[in-house]
N, C-alpha and C. Protein backbone atom coordinates (compact mmCIF):
# COMPACT_ATOMS: atom_id res chain seq x y z
N MET A 1 10.37 8.72 -21.63
CA MET A 1 9.05 9.35 -21.25
C MET A 1 8.76 9.37 -19.47
N GLU A 2 8.72 10.45 -19.22
CA GLU A 2 9.07 10.80 -17.66
C GLU A 2 7.64 10.23 -16.89
N SER A 3 7.48 9.96 -16.09
CA SER A 3 6.38 9.22 -15.20
C SER A 3 5.87 10.58 -14.42
N ILE A 4 4.43 10.58 -14.51
CA ILE A 4 3.84 11.81 -13.79
C ILE A 4 3.43 11.58 -12.62
N PRO A 5 3.81 12.31 -11.49
CA PRO A 5 3.76 11.88 -10.12
C PRO A 5 2.46 11.85 -9.72
N GLN A 6 2.33 10.78 -8.92
CA GLN A 6 1.01 10.00 -8.55
C GLN A 6 0.55 11.41 -7.51
N HIS A 7 -0.89 11.73 -7.41
CA HIS A 7 -1.45 12.13 -6.64
C HIS A 7 -1.50 11.42 -5.27
N PRO A 8 -1.25 11.92 -4.08
CA PRO A 8 -1.22 11.14 -2.76
C PRO A 8 -2.36 10.24 -2.40
N LEU A 9 -3.28 10.74 -2.64
CA LEU A 9 -4.62 9.72 -2.37
C LEU A 9 -4.57 9.11 -3.03
N TYR A 10 -3.85 8.81 -4.54
CA TYR A 10 -4.27 7.89 -5.49
C TYR A 10 -2.99 6.89 -4.99
N ALA A 11 -2.31 7.10 -4.86
CA ALA A 11 -1.05 6.32 -4.51
C ALA A 11 -1.83 5.61 -3.17
N ALA A 12 -1.91 6.29 -2.06
CA ALA A 12 -2.42 5.52 -0.91
C ALA A 12 -3.49 4.47 -0.92
N ASP A 13 -4.35 4.95 -1.81
CA ASP A 13 -5.64 4.04 -2.44
C ASP A 13 -5.14 2.57 -3.04
N GLN A 14 -3.81 2.93 -3.96
CA GLN A 14 -3.35 1.69 -4.81
C GLN A 14 -2.86 0.64 -4.14
N ALA A 15 -2.01 1.52 -2.88
CA ALA A 15 -1.08 0.52 -2.09
C ALA A 15 -2.17 0.04 -1.03
N ASN A 16 -3.05 0.55 -0.58
CA ASN A 16 -4.28 -0.07 0.41
C ASN A 16 -4.61 -1.04 -0.50
N GLU A 17 -5.44 -1.08 -1.65
CA GLU A 17 -5.46 -2.09 -2.61
C GLU A 17 -5.34 -3.06 -2.58
N ALA A 18 -3.95 -2.76 -3.29
CA ALA A 18 -2.78 -3.85 -2.95
C ALA A 18 -2.63 -4.80 -1.76
N ILE A 19 -2.52 -4.01 -0.62
CA ILE A 19 -2.55 -4.80 0.81
C ILE A 19 -3.61 -5.73 0.70
N ARG A 20 -4.62 -5.38 0.34
CA ARG A 20 -6.01 -6.00 0.59
C ARG A 20 -6.10 -7.29 -0.48
N ALA A 21 -5.50 -7.00 -1.33
CA ALA A 21 -5.55 -8.14 -2.49
C ALA A 21 -4.39 -9.02 -1.78
N LEU A 22 -3.49 -8.64 -0.91
CA LEU A 22 -2.61 -9.57 -0.92
C LEU A 22 -2.89 -10.59 0.68
N VAL A 23 -3.51 -9.92 1.67
CA VAL A 23 -4.19 -10.10 2.62
C VAL A 23 -5.29 -11.63 2.24
N ASP A 24 -6.07 -10.90 1.29
CA ASP A 24 -7.13 -11.74 0.85
C ASP A 24 -6.61 -12.97 0.09
N ALA A 25 -5.58 -12.92 -0.69
CA ALA A 25 -4.98 -14.34 -1.53
C ALA A 25 -4.04 -14.93 -0.52
N SER A 26 -3.81 -14.70 0.85
CA SER A 26 -2.85 -15.28 1.60
C SER A 26 -3.71 -16.55 2.31
N GLY A 27 -4.89 -16.40 2.90
CA GLY A 27 -5.58 -17.49 3.11
C GLY A 27 -5.16 -17.65 4.65
N GLY A 28 -4.27 -16.49 5.10
CA GLY A 28 -3.96 -16.80 6.86
C GLY A 28 -2.57 -17.27 6.43
N GLN A 29 -1.91 -18.12 5.76
CA GLN A 29 -0.65 -18.34 5.27
C GLN A 29 0.23 -17.67 4.78
N TRP A 30 1.56 -16.58 5.73
CA TRP A 30 2.08 -15.85 4.71
C TRP A 30 3.47 -16.62 4.50
N SER A 31 3.85 -16.41 3.68
CA SER A 31 5.28 -17.02 3.13
C SER A 31 6.23 -15.66 3.33
N ALA A 32 7.54 -16.08 3.61
CA ALA A 32 8.40 -15.15 3.50
C ALA A 32 8.26 -14.20 2.59
N VAL A 33 8.26 -14.54 1.12
CA VAL A 33 8.15 -12.98 0.03
C VAL A 33 7.02 -12.41 0.37
N GLU A 34 5.53 -13.10 0.83
CA GLU A 34 4.69 -12.52 1.15
C GLU A 34 4.69 -10.96 2.44
N SER A 35 5.22 -11.72 3.08
CA SER A 35 5.70 -10.87 4.47
C SER A 35 6.71 -9.97 4.08
N ALA A 36 7.41 -9.90 3.25
CA ALA A 36 8.50 -8.95 2.60
C ALA A 36 7.32 -7.66 1.42
N THR A 37 6.43 -8.46 0.89
CA THR A 37 5.85 -7.65 -0.11
C THR A 37 5.02 -6.90 0.61
N TYR A 38 4.38 -7.37 2.13
CA TYR A 38 3.52 -6.59 2.94
C TYR A 38 4.00 -5.48 3.50
N GLU A 39 5.31 -5.76 4.10
CA GLU A 39 6.13 -4.75 4.81
C GLU A 39 6.25 -3.49 3.67
N VAL A 40 6.69 -3.85 2.23
CA VAL A 40 7.12 -2.77 1.47
C VAL A 40 5.81 -1.74 1.05
N LEU A 41 4.39 -2.70 0.87
CA LEU A 41 3.40 -2.20 0.41
C LEU A 41 2.86 -1.02 1.74
N LEU A 42 3.23 -1.63 2.91
CA LEU A 42 2.97 -0.59 4.13
C LEU A 42 3.26 0.71 4.08
N ILE A 43 4.71 0.23 3.98
CA ILE A 43 5.68 1.54 3.79
C ILE A 43 4.99 2.69 2.88
N GLU A 44 4.87 1.85 1.51
CA GLU A 44 4.53 2.87 0.24
C GLU A 44 3.10 3.57 1.02
N TRP A 45 2.12 2.78 1.48
CA TRP A 45 1.07 3.37 2.15
C TRP A 45 1.14 4.33 2.92
N ALA A 46 1.93 4.07 4.01
CA ALA A 46 2.43 5.06 5.31
C ALA A 46 3.09 6.32 4.42
N ALA A 47 3.92 6.38 3.33
CA ALA A 47 4.70 7.70 2.71
C ALA A 47 3.50 8.28 2.00
N ALA A 48 2.33 7.84 1.67
CA ALA A 48 1.56 8.45 0.82
C ALA A 48 0.38 9.21 1.38
N THR A 49 0.46 8.91 2.76
CA THR A 49 -0.22 9.46 3.80
C THR A 49 0.07 10.61 4.67
N ARG A 50 1.22 10.17 4.69
CA ARG A 50 2.09 11.09 5.36
C ARG A 50 1.95 12.70 5.36
N GLY A 51 2.30 13.68 6.20
CA GLY A 51 2.17 15.19 6.15
C GLY A 51 1.56 15.75 5.03
N GLY A 52 0.34 16.14 5.42
CA GLY A 52 -0.34 17.33 5.20
C GLY A 52 -1.15 16.21 3.96
N GLY A 53 -1.25 15.09 3.54
CA GLY A 53 -1.63 14.17 2.28
C GLY A 53 -3.34 14.29 2.70
N PRO A 54 -3.91 13.39 2.22
CA PRO A 54 -5.23 13.21 2.09
C PRO A 54 -5.43 12.23 3.44
N ASP A 55 -6.49 12.22 3.80
CA ASP A 55 -7.00 11.61 5.13
C ASP A 55 -7.48 10.29 4.82
N VAL A 56 -6.55 9.20 4.57
CA VAL A 56 -6.63 7.96 4.32
C VAL A 56 -6.34 7.11 5.56
N VAL A 57 -7.31 6.54 6.15
CA VAL A 57 -6.97 6.11 7.47
C VAL A 57 -6.90 4.60 7.47
N GLU A 58 -7.19 3.80 6.20
CA GLU A 58 -7.03 2.43 6.53
C GLU A 58 -6.02 1.81 5.59
N ALA A 59 -5.20 0.98 6.12
CA ALA A 59 -4.22 0.26 5.48
C ALA A 59 -4.58 -1.41 5.31
N ALA A 60 -5.69 -1.75 4.62
CA ALA A 60 -6.16 -3.33 4.86
C ALA A 60 -5.63 -3.66 5.68
């Protein structure tokens, strides 16, 4: 079964919520894995908000 491409706004919101959860769960202490996860989520968020996409200005 093929996956259906996500609407950019939905993808940006999902990435933002994942970033928020990661930051909230970290308690101010970042492991190497959490840092790498944050970087990937931030890249996904940026890609979802790039070029004529929705106006999503937050990346937790």
